[in-house]
Protein backbone atom coordinates (compact mmCIF):
# COMPACT_ATOMS: atom_id res chain seq x y z
CA UNK A 1 30.53 -10.30 -26.87
CA UNK A 2 29.20 -6.99 -25.50
CA UNK A 3 31.14 -4.91 -23.00
CA UNK A 4 29.96 -4.47 -19.49
CA UNK A 5 29.33 -0.85 -18.89
CA UNK A 6 30.45 -0.49 -15.38
CA UNK A 7 30.79 3.11 -14.48
CA UNK A 8 28.71 4.36 -17.42
CA UNK A 9 25.45 5.91 -16.60
CA UNK A 10 24.43 7.63 -19.85
CA UNK A 11 21.85 5.39 -21.58
CA UNK A 12 22.28 6.83 -24.95
CA UNK A 13 26.18 6.55 -24.42
CA UNK A 14 25.68 2.88 -23.46
CA UNK A 15 23.81 1.70 -26.20
CA UNK A 16 25.87 3.59 -28.95
CA UNK A 17 28.86 2.04 -27.55
CA UNK A 18 28.02 -1.16 -28.02
CA UNK A 19 27.58 -1.95 -24.22
CA UNK A 20 25.91 -4.89 -22.43
CA UNK A 21 22.22 -3.51 -21.20
CA UNK A 22 19.93 -5.53 -18.40
CA UNK A 23 16.78 -4.48 -20.16
CA UNK A 24 14.29 -2.64 -17.20
CA UNK A 25 12.48 -0.91 -19.43
CA UNK A 26 9.33 -2.68 -18.85
CA UNK A 27 9.42 -0.67 -15.67
CA UNK A 28 8.58 2.58 -18.01
CA UNK A 29 5.16 0.77 -18.94
CA UNK A 30 4.45 0.10 -15.07
CA UNK A 31 5.17 3.53 -13.98
CA UNK A 32 2.77 5.39 -16.67
CA UNK A 33 0.17 3.10 -15.40
CA UNK A 34 0.13 4.03 -12.27
CA UNK A 35 -2.19 6.52 -11.00
CA UNK A 36 0.02 9.27 -9.85
CA UNK A 37 2.32 10.79 -12.35
CA UNK A 38 4.59 12.26 -9.78
CA UNK A 39 6.77 9.70 -8.27
CA UNK A 40 9.73 8.95 -5.82
CA UNK A 41 11.45 5.80 -5.49
CA UNK A 42 14.83 5.38 -3.07
CA UNK A 43 17.73 3.17 -3.34
CA UNK A 44 21.14 2.53 -1.64
CA UNK A 45 23.79 4.71 -3.34
CA UNK A 46 25.53 2.82 -6.31
CA UNK A 47 22.74 0.86 -7.59
CA UNK A 48 21.89 2.59 -10.98
CA UNK A 49 19.28 5.52 -10.02
CA UNK A 50 21.15 7.75 -12.45
CA UNK A 51 21.21 5.10 -15.45
CA UNK A 52 17.60 4.36 -14.90
CA UNK A 53 16.48 8.53 -15.02
CA UNK A 54 18.80 8.64 -18.06
CA UNK A 55 16.85 5.89 -19.77
CA UNK A 56 13.54 7.96 -19.13
CA UNK A 57 15.12 10.58 -20.52
CA UNK A 58 15.82 9.26 -23.61
CA UNK A 59 12.36 7.69 -24.20
CA UNK A 60 10.39 10.70 -23.37
CA UNK A 61 12.30 13.06 -24.79
CA UNK A 62 10.90 14.81 -27.67
CA UNK A 63 14.33 15.56 -29.46
CA UNK A 64 15.45 11.59 -29.41
CA UNK A 65 12.07 10.88 -31.60
CA UNK A 66 14.16 10.07 -34.44
CA UNK A 67 16.59 7.72 -32.70
CA UNK A 68 13.86 5.94 -31.02
CA UNK A 69 14.26 2.71 -32.78
CA UNK A 70 18.03 2.69 -32.33
CA UNK A 71 18.16 3.20 -28.85
CA UNK A 72 15.05 0.76 -28.27
CA UNK A 73 14.55 -1.27 -30.74
CA UNK A 74 16.69 -4.42 -28.75
CA UNK A 75 14.36 -3.35 -25.49
CA UNK A 76 10.84 -4.79 -24.32
CA UNK A 77 9.73 -0.92 -24.64
CA UNK A 78 11.21 -0.40 -27.77
CA UNK A 79 8.41 -3.57 -29.08
CA UNK A 80 5.97 -2.53 -26.28
CA UNK A 81 6.02 1.47 -26.90
CA UNK A 82 3.34 3.53 -25.09
CA UNK A 83 1.43 6.48 -26.35
CA UNK A 84 3.75 8.86 -24.73
CA UNK A 85 6.96 7.90 -25.80
CA UNK A 86 9.05 11.29 -26.88
CA UNK A 87 6.28 13.68 -25.71
CA UNK A 88 7.98 15.67 -23.18
CA UNK A 89 10.46 18.45 -22.87
CA UNK A 90 12.81 17.09 -19.87
CA UNK A 91 13.75 19.00 -17.33
CA UNK A 92 16.81 17.52 -15.24
CA UNK A 93 18.61 17.87 -12.11
CA UNK A 94 21.34 16.27 -10.06
CA UNK A 95 22.10 17.31 -6.78
CA UNK A 96 24.94 15.42 -6.07
CA UNK A 97 27.97 17.71 -6.39
CA UNK A 98 26.70 20.22 -3.83
CA UNK A 99 29.54 21.83 -1.23
CA UNK A 100 28.07 21.39 1.91
CA UNK A 101 30.72 23.03 4.46
CA UNK A 102 28.29 25.10 5.57
CA UNK A 103 24.79 26.69 4.72
CA UNK A 104 26.19 29.68 2.31
CA UNK A 105 27.83 26.92 0.38
CA UNK A 106 24.86 24.38 0.00
CA UNK A 107 22.40 27.49 -0.94
CA UNK A 108 25.02 28.90 -2.98
CA UNK A 109 25.55 25.41 -4.84
CA UNK A 110 21.71 24.49 -5.02
CA UNK A 111 21.37 27.51 -6.83
CA UNK A 112 24.06 26.90 -9.48
CA UNK A 113 22.57 23.34 -10.25
CA UNK A 114 19.21 24.73 -10.33
CA UNK A 115 20.45 27.78 -12.61
CA UNK A 116 22.84 25.66 -15.25
CA UNK A 117 20.09 22.73 -15.27
CA UNK A 118 17.67 25.40 -16.40
CA UNK A 119 20.45 27.20 -18.89
CA UNK A 120 20.90 23.69 -20.62
CA UNK A 121 17.27 23.32 -20.90
CA UNK A 122 16.87 26.53 -22.57
CA UNK A 123 19.85 26.00 -24.79
CA UNK A 124 18.26 22.58 -25.98
CA UNK A 125 14.94 23.27 -26.45
CA UNK A 126 15.71 26.87 -28.13
CA UNK A 127 13.39 28.95 -25.55
CA UNK A 128 13.42 32.65 -25.41
CA UNK A 129 14.33 32.80 -21.68
CA UNK A 130 16.98 34.51 -19.96
CA UNK A 131 18.66 32.40 -16.74
CA UNK A 132 19.17 35.56 -14.45
CA UNK A 133 21.22 33.83 -11.68
CA UNK A 134 21.15 37.33 -9.70
CA UNK A 135 17.49 35.63 -8.58
CA UNK A 136 16.82 32.96 -5.99
CA UNK A 137 16.48 29.07 -7.06
CA UNK A 138 12.89 29.12 -6.54
CA UNK A 139 12.35 32.05 -8.73
CA UNK A 140 14.52 31.44 -11.45
CA UNK A 141 12.43 27.60 -11.93
CA UNK A 142 8.93 29.90 -11.63
CA UNK A 143 9.43 32.30 -14.40
CA UNK A 144 10.93 29.29 -16.67
CA UNK A 145 7.61 27.67 -16.03
CA UNK A 146 5.98 31.04 -16.82
CA UNK A 147 7.85 31.35 -20.02
CA UNK A 148 7.31 27.84 -21.27
CA UNK A 149 3.84 28.25 -20.56
CA UNK A 150 3.35 31.10 -22.90
CA UNK A 151 5.76 29.50 -25.70
CA UNK A 152 5.06 26.32 -25.76
CA UNK A 153 1.54 25.96 -25.46
CA UNK A 154 -0.18 22.75 -24.64
CA UNK A 155 3.06 21.10 -24.13
CA UNK A 156 4.52 19.64 -21.05
CA UNK A 157 7.74 18.94 -19.07
CA UNK A 158 9.10 15.97 -17.28
CA UNK A 159 10.97 16.88 -14.59
CA UNK A 160 13.83 14.60 -13.64
CA UNK A 161 15.37 15.21 -10.23
CA UNK A 162 18.31 12.65 -9.28
CA UNK A 163 20.29 12.58 -5.80
CA UNK A 164 17.23 14.77 -4.37
CA UNK A 165 18.43 13.99 -1.03
CA UNK A 166 22.67 13.97 -1.15
CA UNK A 167 22.91 17.56 0.03
CA UNK A 168 20.85 17.10 2.81
CA UNK A 169 22.38 13.70 3.97
CA UNK A 170 25.66 15.37 3.77
CA UNK A 171 24.36 18.08 6.19
CA UNK A 172 22.44 15.89 8.45
CA UNK A 173 25.37 13.99 9.16
CA UNK A 174 27.43 16.80 10.63
CA UNK A 175 25.16 19.81 10.87
CA UNK A 176 21.39 19.49 11.91
CA UNK A 177 20.92 22.63 12.31
CA UNK A 178 22.01 24.27 9.21
CA UNK A 179 19.76 21.14 7.84
CA UNK A 180 16.90 22.20 9.58
CA UNK A 181 17.11 25.73 8.54
CA UNK A 182 17.31 24.88 4.63
CA UNK A 183 14.22 22.91 4.98
CA UNK A 184 12.31 25.14 7.26
CA UNK A 185 9.37 27.45 6.26
CA UNK A 186 10.95 29.96 5.05
CA UNK A 187 14.12 28.00 4.04
CA UNK A 188 15.25 28.06 0.11
CA UNK A 189 15.19 24.35 -0.39
CA UNK A 190 11.67 24.38 0.99
CA UNK A 191 10.65 27.36 -0.98
CA UNK A 192 12.01 25.86 -4.77
CA UNK A 193 9.68 22.55 -4.08
CA UNK A 194 6.64 24.69 -3.58
CA UNK A 195 7.48 26.04 -6.96
CA UNK A 196 7.90 22.87 -8.39
CA UNK A 197 4.57 21.74 -7.03
CA UNK A 198 3.08 24.89 -8.31
CA UNK A 199 4.70 23.81 -11.37
CA UNK A 200 2.80 20.82 -11.42
CA UNK A 201 -0.32 22.38 -11.67
CA UNK A 202 0.41 23.43 -14.86
CA UNK A 203 3.46 22.77 -17.15
CA UNK A 204 5.22 19.84 -15.39
CA UNK A 205 2.95 17.22 -16.22
CA UNK A 206 5.27 14.21 -14.64
CA UNK A 207 7.80 14.34 -12.07
CA UNK A 208 10.36 11.43 -11.21
CA UNK A 209 12.69 11.72 -8.14
CA UNK A 210 15.47 9.62 -6.86
CA UNK A 211 17.69 9.69 -3.71
CA UNK A 212 19.22 7.38 -0.90
CA UNK A 213 16.85 8.66 2.04
CA UNK A 214 13.16 9.89 2.31
CA UNK A 215 15.27 12.80 4.98
CA UNK A 216 13.79 16.20 3.33
CA UNK A 217 10.00 14.53 2.55
CA UNK A 218 8.56 15.08 5.51
CA UNK A 219 10.17 18.66 5.81
CA UNK A 220 9.35 19.42 2.25
CA UNK A 221 5.26 17.95 2.63
CA UNK A 222 3.36 21.67 2.92
CA UNK A 223 5.82 22.48 0.40
CA UNK A 224 5.75 19.42 -1.92
CA UNK A 225 2.98 16.67 -0.87
CA UNK A 226 2.16 15.99 -4.42
CA UNK A 227 3.81 12.45 -5.29
CA UNK A 228 3.50 8.66 -4.37
CA UNK A 229 6.58 6.89 -2.71
CA UNK A 230 6.77 3.50 -4.60
CA UNK A 231 10.13 3.01 -2.76
CA UNK A 232 9.11 -0.02 -0.66
CA UNK A 233 6.43 -1.24 -3.64
CA UNK A 234 7.03 -4.79 -4.44
CA UNK A 235 6.02 -4.19 -7.77
CA UNK A 236 9.47 -2.10 -8.37
CA UNK A 237 11.16 -4.20 -5.93
CA UNK A 238 13.62 -5.30 -8.88
CA UNK A 239 13.34 -2.08 -11.02
CA UNK A 240 17.15 -1.69 -10.16
CA UNK A 241 19.72 -4.17 -9.50
CA UNK A 242 20.27 -7.10 -10.80
CA UNK A 243 17.84 -10.12 -10.17
CA UNK A 244 20.13 -13.67 -9.94
CA UNK A 245 18.30 -14.93 -13.36
CA UNK A 246 20.02 -11.39 -14.99
CA UNK A 247 23.04 -12.00 -13.19
CA UNK A 248 23.28 -15.53 -15.10
CA UNK A 249 22.47 -13.93 -18.59
CA UNK A 250 25.09 -11.30 -18.62
CA UNK A 251 27.28 -13.91 -17.28
CA UNK A 252 26.73 -16.26 -19.91
CA UNK A 253 26.99 -13.40 -22.64
CA UNK A 254 30.36 -13.19 -21.67
CA UNK A 255 31.56 -16.45 -22.77
CA UNK A 256 32.53 -17.43 -19.02
CA UNK A 257 32.91 -21.26 -18.75
CA UNK A 258 30.73 -23.57 -16.90
CA UNK A 259 33.22 -24.50 -14.61
CA UNK A 260 34.53 -20.68 -14.00
CA UNK A 261 30.56 -19.70 -13.72
CA UNK A 262 30.29 -22.24 -10.92
CA UNK A 263 33.52 -20.77 -8.98
CA UNK A 264 32.09 -16.90 -9.16
CA UNK A 265 28.31 -16.92 -8.99
CA UNK A 266 28.73 -18.25 -4.98
CA UNK A 267 31.06 -15.58 -4.17
CA UNK A 268 28.94 -12.74 -5.68
CA UNK A 269 26.04 -14.20 -4.17
CA UNK A 270 27.80 -13.61 -0.80
CA UNK A 271 29.25 -10.54 -1.36
CA UNK A 272 26.95 -8.89 -3.24
CA UNK A 273 23.02 -10.48 -3.40
CA UNK A 274 20.93 -10.29 -0.38
CA UNK A 275 19.07 -6.81 -1.10
CA UNK A 276 15.16 -7.04 -0.53
CA UNK A 277 13.34 -3.75 -0.53
CA UNK A 278 9.41 -4.66 -0.03
CA UNK A 279 7.96 -7.26 3.09
CA UNK A 280 6.01 -8.73 0.11
CA UNK A 281 8.52 -8.97 -2.92
CA UNK A 282 9.66 -12.13 -3.83
CA UNK A 283 13.12 -12.21 -5.24
CA UNK A 284 16.51 -10.99 -3.33
CA UNK A 285 18.42 -8.58 -6.06
CA UNK A 286 22.16 -7.94 -6.24
CA UNK A 287 23.88 -4.80 -6.12
CA UNK A 288 24.56 -3.89 -9.93
CA UNK A 289 27.46 -1.47 -9.81
CA UNK A 290 29.28 -4.19 -7.38
CA UNK A 291 28.53 -7.45 -9.47
CA UNK A 292 29.73 -4.81 -12.81
CA UNK A 293 32.87 -4.20 -10.75
CA UNK A 294 33.66 -7.71 -10.07
CA UNK A 295 32.80 -9.28 -13.63
CA UNK A 296 35.34 -6.39 -15.12
CA UNK A 297 37.66 -7.01 -12.89
CA UNK A 298 37.37 -10.84 -13.48
CA UNK A 299 37.58 -10.21 -17.17
CA UNK A 300 40.84 -8.05 -17.12
CA UNK A 301 42.69 -10.28 -14.82
CA UNK A 302 41.10 -14.05 -15.50
CA UNK A 303 40.81 -14.31 -12.31
CA UNK A 304 39.02 -13.45 -9.35
CA UNK A 305 40.09 -10.09 -7.82
CA UNK A 306 41.77 -9.55 -4.91
CA UNK A 307 39.67 -6.71 -3.75
CA UNK A 308 36.11 -8.01 -4.18
CA UNK A 309 34.87 -4.40 -2.72
CA UNK A 310 35.26 -1.91 -4.94
CA UNK A 311 36.96 1.09 -3.30
CA UNK A 312 34.96 3.39 -5.21
CA UNK A 313 31.58 1.93 -3.57
CA UNK A 314 33.08 1.12 -0.18
CA UNK A 315 33.95 5.09 0.14
CA UNK A 316 30.60 5.97 -0.27
CA UNK A 317 29.54 4.03 2.50
CA UNK A 318 31.60 5.58 4.97
CA UNK A 319 28.95 7.54 6.45
CA UNK A 320 27.96 4.86 8.43
CA UNK A 321 29.23 6.60 11.45
CA UNK A 322 27.99 9.74 10.84
CA UNK A 323 24.11 8.28 10.50
CA UNK A 324 24.38 6.32 13.53
CA UNK A 325 25.63 9.35 15.74
CA UNK A 326 22.55 11.23 15.30
CA UNK A 327 20.85 8.38 17.31
CA UNK A 328 21.57 9.54 20.96
CA UNK A 329 20.54 6.26 22.67
CA UNK A 330 22.31 3.45 24.58
CA UNK A 331 21.03 1.05 21.96
CA UNK A 332 23.28 2.02 19.15
CA UNK A 333 26.31 -0.32 19.86
CA UNK A 334 23.83 -3.33 20.75
CA UNK A 335 22.00 -2.57 17.37
CA UNK A 336 25.20 -3.18 15.36
CA UNK A 337 26.47 -6.21 17.60
CA UNK A 338 23.17 -8.04 16.84
CA UNK A 339 23.49 -7.16 13.20
CA UNK A 340 27.10 -8.05 13.12
CA UNK A 341 26.27 -11.58 14.58
CA UNK A 342 23.55 -12.01 12.43
CA UNK A 343 20.76 -12.10 14.91
CA UNK A 344 18.42 -9.55 12.90
CA UNK A 345 16.44 -6.53 14.05
CA UNK A 346 12.43 -6.23 13.91
CA UNK A 347 11.26 -2.96 13.71
CA UNK A 348 8.82 -0.64 11.95
CA UNK A 349 10.27 1.73 8.94
CA UNK A 350 10.18 4.96 9.15
CA UNK A 351 8.64 6.59 5.87
CA UNK A 352 9.85 9.87 6.32
CA UNK A 353 12.59 11.61 8.76
CA UNK A 354 11.44 14.86 10.61
CA UNK A 355 14.85 16.53 11.61
CA UNK A 356 12.18 18.93 14.03
CA UNK A 357 11.71 15.38 16.02
CA UNK A 358 14.26 13.17 18.09
CA UNK A 359 15.95 10.82 15.79
CA UNK A 360 14.70 7.58 17.88
CA UNK A 361 16.05 3.92 17.52
CA UNK A 362 13.39 3.43 14.72
CA UNK A 363 14.89 5.83 12.65
CA UNK A 364 18.08 4.87 13.15
CA UNK A 365 17.29 1.17 11.70
CA UNK A 366 14.96 2.49 8.93
CA UNK A 367 18.32 4.99 7.89
CA UNK A 368 20.68 2.01 7.78
CA UNK A 369 17.63 0.16 5.49
CA UNK A 370 17.71 3.17 3.08
CA UNK A 371 21.41 3.14 3.51
CA UNK A 372 21.72 -0.72 1.94
CA UNK A 373 23.32 -1.53 5.24
CA UNK A 374 20.34 -3.58 6.38
CA UNK A 375 17.71 -5.27 4.16
CA UNK A 376 14.57 -7.17 4.57
CA UNK A 377 14.71 -10.70 4.81
CA UNK A 378 11.38 -11.83 6.29
CA UNK A 379 8.96 -10.51 8.84
CA UNK A 380 7.54 -10.85 12.60
CA UNK A 381 4.13 -10.57 13.56
CA UNK A 382 3.58 -8.01 10.23
CA UNK A 383 7.02 -6.19 10.71
CA UNK A 384 9.90 -6.35 9.11
CA UNK A 385 13.04 -8.19 9.86
CA UNK A 386 15.91 -6.53 8.97
CA UNK A 387 19.66 -8.01 8.51
CA UNK A 388 22.96 -7.36 6.97
CA UNK A 389 22.43 -8.05 3.31
CA UNK A 390 25.87 -9.30 2.48
CA UNK A 391 29.51 -9.66 2.98
CA UNK A 392 30.48 -6.45 1.68
CA UNK A 393 28.31 -4.58 4.63
CA UNK A 394 29.12 -6.74 6.81
CA UNK A 395 33.25 -5.78 6.13
CA UNK A 396 31.83 -2.29 6.79
CA UNK A 397 30.09 -2.67 9.87
CA UNK A 398 32.66 -4.70 11.36
CA UNK A 399 35.33 -1.97 10.73
CA UNK A 400 32.71 0.66 12.21
CA UNK A 401 32.54 -1.52 15.75
CA UNK A 402 36.34 -2.40 16.01
CA UNK A 403 36.70 1.48 15.56
CA UNK A 404 34.48 2.00 18.29
CA UNK A 405 35.47 -0.40 20.89
CA UNK A 406 39.06 0.69 19.83
CA UNK A 407 38.65 4.34 20.79
CA UNK A 408 36.66 3.86 23.80
CA UNK A 409 39.50 1.16 25.28
CA UNK A 410 42.51 3.01 23.56
CA UNK A 411 43.47 -0.07 21.39
CA UNK A 412 45.44 0.31 18.28
CA UNK A 413 45.63 -2.45 16.54
CA UNK A 414 45.83 -1.44 12.72
CA UNK A 415 49.61 -2.11 12.30
CA UNK A 416 49.28 -6.14 13.06
CA UNK A 417 46.44 -7.35 10.29
CA UNK A 418 49.28 -8.34 7.88
CA UNK A 419 51.21 -9.94 10.77
CA UNK A 420 47.89 -11.86 11.55
CA UNK A 421 47.35 -12.67 8.18
CA UNK A 422 50.85 -14.00 7.70
CA UNK A 423 51.17 -15.77 10.39
CA UNK A 424 47.45 -17.51 9.74
CA UNK A 425 48.18 -18.18 6.08
CA UNK A 426 51.53 -19.82 6.14
CA UNK A 427 51.38 -21.67 8.94
CA UNK A 428 47.64 -22.15 10.19
CA UNK A 429 48.32 -20.46 13.43
CA UNK A 430 46.11 -17.72 15.18
CA UNK A 431 48.51 -16.76 17.91
CA UNK A 432 48.57 -13.36 17.08
CA UNK A 433 44.80 -12.96 16.26
CA UNK A 434 44.32 -14.75 20.00
CA UNK A 435 46.88 -11.94 21.39
CA UNK A 436 45.03 -9.41 19.57
CA UNK A 437 41.70 -10.30 21.04
CA UNK A 438 43.41 -10.53 24.59
CA UNK A 439 44.28 -6.77 24.32
CA UNK A 440 40.93 -6.00 24.12
CA UNK A 441 39.42 -8.10 26.78
CA UNK A 442 41.93 -6.89 28.96
CA UNK A 443 41.06 -3.35 28.46
CA UNK A 444 37.62 -3.74 29.30
CA UNK A 445 36.34 -3.00 32.89
CA UNK A 446 34.95 -5.31 35.12
CA UNK A 447 31.57 -3.56 34.37
CA UNK A 448 31.40 -4.60 30.70
CA UNK A 449 32.26 -8.03 32.11
CA UNK A 450 28.73 -8.31 33.00
CA UNK A 451 27.23 -8.03 29.10
CA UNK A 452 30.10 -10.43 27.95
CA UNK A 453 29.08 -14.04 26.53
CA UNK A 454 30.54 -15.97 24.03
CA UNK A 455 28.78 -14.28 21.08
CA UNK A 456 30.57 -10.75 22.45
CA UNK A 457 33.87 -12.43 22.62
CA UNK A 458 33.18 -13.95 19.02
CA UNK A 459 32.16 -10.80 17.71
CA UNK A 460 35.53 -9.11 18.68
CA UNK A 461 37.40 -11.91 17.00
CA UNK A 462 35.10 -11.91 13.81
CA UNK A 463 35.99 -8.06 13.54
CA UNK A 464 39.21 -8.30 13.69
CA UNK A 465 38.96 -11.28 11.07
CA UNK A 466 36.92 -9.43 9.15
CA UNK A 467 40.35 -7.01 8.25
CA UNK A 468 42.23 -9.70 6.84
CA UNK A 469 42.13 -9.17 3.25
CA UNK A 470 42.88 -12.28 1.49
CA UNK A 471 40.40 -14.40 3.60
CA UNK A 472 36.89 -15.31 2.78
CA UNK A 473 34.83 -15.35 6.47
CA UNK A 474 32.18 -17.46 7.43
CA UNK A 475 30.54 -17.18 10.57
CA UNK A 476 27.75 -20.08 11.80
CA UNK A 477 27.89 -21.26 8.03
CA UNK A 478 25.59 -23.92 7.82
CA UNK A 479 27.16 -26.87 6.74
CA UNK A 480 24.79 -29.85 6.50
CA UNK A 481 22.38 -27.77 9.43
CA UNK A 482 25.50 -27.58 11.49
CA UNK A 483 27.10 -24.46 12.57
CA UNK A 484 30.62 -24.19 13.19
CA UNK A 485 31.74 -20.41 14.87
CA UNK A 486 34.01 -18.92 12.34
CA UNK A 487 36.06 -20.68 8.78
CA UNK A 488 38.60 -18.46 7.66
CA UNK A 489 39.05 -19.64 3.94
CA UNK A 490 42.09 -18.12 1.79
CA UNK A 491 40.23 -16.34 -1.31
CA UNK A 492 43.20 -17.42 -3.68
CA UNK A 493 43.34 -21.52 -3.48
CA UNK A 494 46.45 -21.48 -5.85
CA UNK A 495 48.72 -20.07 -3.14
CA UNK A 496 48.42 -22.95 -0.81
CA UNK A 497 47.29 -20.64 2.01
CA UNK A 498 45.90 -22.48 5.79
CA UNK A 499 42.47 -22.42 6.54
CA UNK A 500 41.09 -22.34 10.21
CA UNK A 501 38.19 -23.30 11.50
CA UNK A 502 37.32 -22.01 14.98
CA UNK A 503 34.64 -22.86 17.75
CA UNK A 504 33.86 -20.64 20.80
CA UNK A 505 33.24 -20.93 24.27
CA UNK A 506 33.11 -18.58 27.43
CA UNK A 507 33.15 -18.85 30.76
CA UNK A 508 32.91 -16.15 33.61
CA UNK A 509 35.76 -15.36 36.10
CA UNK A 510 34.28 -17.37 38.90
CA UNK A 511 33.55 -20.57 36.56
CA UNK A 512 37.02 -20.87 35.84
CA UNK A 513 36.75 -24.10 37.13
CA UNK A 514 34.51 -25.29 34.08
CA UNK A 515 37.41 -24.96 32.02
CA UNK A 516 37.98 -28.56 30.50
CA UNK A 517 34.90 -29.11 30.47
CA UNK A 518 34.13 -26.54 28.13
CA UNK A 519 37.36 -27.20 25.80
CA UNK A 520 36.20 -30.75 25.89
CA UNK A 521 32.58 -29.60 24.58
CA UNK A 522 34.51 -27.30 21.99
CA UNK A 523 36.92 -30.22 20.75
CA UNK A 524 34.19 -32.76 20.07
CA UNK A 525 31.99 -30.51 17.85
CA UNK A 526 35.34 -29.30 16.30
CA UNK A 527 35.72 -33.29 15.38
CA UNK A 528 32.13 -33.54 14.56
CA UNK A 529 32.64 -30.92 11.71
CA UNK A 530 35.67 -32.20 10.51
CA UNK A 531 33.93 -34.79 8.94
CA UNK A 532 31.03 -33.25 7.14
CA UNK A 533 31.68 -33.07 3.45
CA UNK A 534 31.91 -29.50 2.86
CA UNK A 535 34.60 -29.43 5.50
CA UNK A 536 36.43 -31.98 4.24
CA UNK A 537 37.12 -30.61 0.71
CA UNK A 538 38.79 -27.11 2.77
CA UNK A 539 42.31 -27.70 2.38
CA UNK A 540 45.06 -26.99 4.89
CA UNK A 541 42.63 -26.78 7.49
CA UNK A 542 43.43 -26.29 11.03
CA UNK A 543 40.65 -26.48 13.75
CA UNK A 544 41.27 -24.72 17.47
CA UNK A 545 38.70 -24.34 20.17
CA UNK A 546 39.15 -20.82 21.85
CA UNK A 547 37.69 -20.45 25.37
CA UNK A 548 37.73 -16.99 26.98
CA UNK A 549 37.54 -17.16 30.82
CA UNK A 550 37.21 -13.18 31.54
CA UNK A 551 40.07 -11.57 30.01
CA UNK A 552 42.05 -15.02 29.83
CA UNK A 553 42.07 -16.88 26.53
CA UNK A 554 42.84 -20.53 26.32
CA UNK A 555 43.62 -22.11 22.91
CA UNK A 556 43.58 -25.54 22.29
CA UNK A 557 44.22 -27.50 18.67
CA UNK A 558 42.47 -30.61 17.42
């Protein structure tokens, strides 16, 4: 049984230390078969980009020729090597750790990464070259290319750039003007890419660039317009992340019993699956890092972990608010509301962001797609239909929505979650969560009630419930083609916690005379849901009809 490589992004270490590897090396051949030699490939954070660049490095590095069999003999590319294996000098950059406090620190960090990476390159390949750190980053790169051309006549460099946009994302989130300065015509970053383009005409034969969003591409176009973006190419949809087949094969390799596999697969699908990056891709994929986190925790604890979202991954998605703030339009909250409810959004996906132009609604939706908050679930009249991929992303949306609403209404419920969870879990009661809902409703103005409907009330309730960590939340779950509004199901069945099913109804203030009718309607639905086999199987289930009449909330238990 091989160890699972959670947190390992060095391919050589992974193979030599006997870790399990989901073979993605067939894509090396696919990349080579493209007519373009300079490639850009974007994916959300924690999707295995760095590991893949390490695979490319180990496959093409002239220094690793003697280790080829050891590193690749069990892989697709080891059995089907291309003519370019071990033919390149690898020049690698990783811009993920740059200090972006201000423009000066960003430029300093960018230059430092360029200088240190080139120093390592010079040492590893024995070049006679002095890295003059007094020079600008673009000059250091330019001089390297010139020296390499003279000293290694006929040899070629493979340039790998990991997280090319990391510092740009950071700056764009809180200092757009500094970002514009860096990528403007005279900006340091733009000049560096102009030199990279120049090098591609002589010694830099191949270039592979990874990142999250195409933020700087448009800004760098005149400086670097030679790369093919294959982010949404269906032929590379599964190049990173795990397919269902790959995940099952990995689980089987861990010796997990059939019974336990049947228990964990639905949870992993619900929390980590759902990503599709091409309109024409045939298969959804799982976030690989999230899956590895879960399986490592499962193996260590011999049970399903309480915390289903890795804190290291969750922290990478905390920039949701910063990115959403780039769009100043009134529809921002509507976009969030629609996605949490599950309605989805039909929109064109922006191929390149230009910070010199206004950040419009399509840009916001596209940014959410690139960051992994939204994914392609289908198409409508030729345009992608986007929705939240899984529960992990839903929880982040819910947290963000509640923060916006809480700030707007001056409501603080942060200390109430444990009380709410305890009451539901131990008694199956919803008094405290309904009280919390009332706090929000009573603080909304009469003008806000104009937009109110059942979905909006349910949305607030849903976002509160999303923060109850001991429950799995299902919203309008399809049960034999019937849709209960909300199901709160305990994650740990052994503790005997109660489960709750809720049906929502809403009436405007002037419709209060219809209260009894709405309650009867909701109760009837709950009774029908309770007869479904899947609902019958939920132990300790209590059922409530919740009717909001303006700011008042009426609860009836079935």
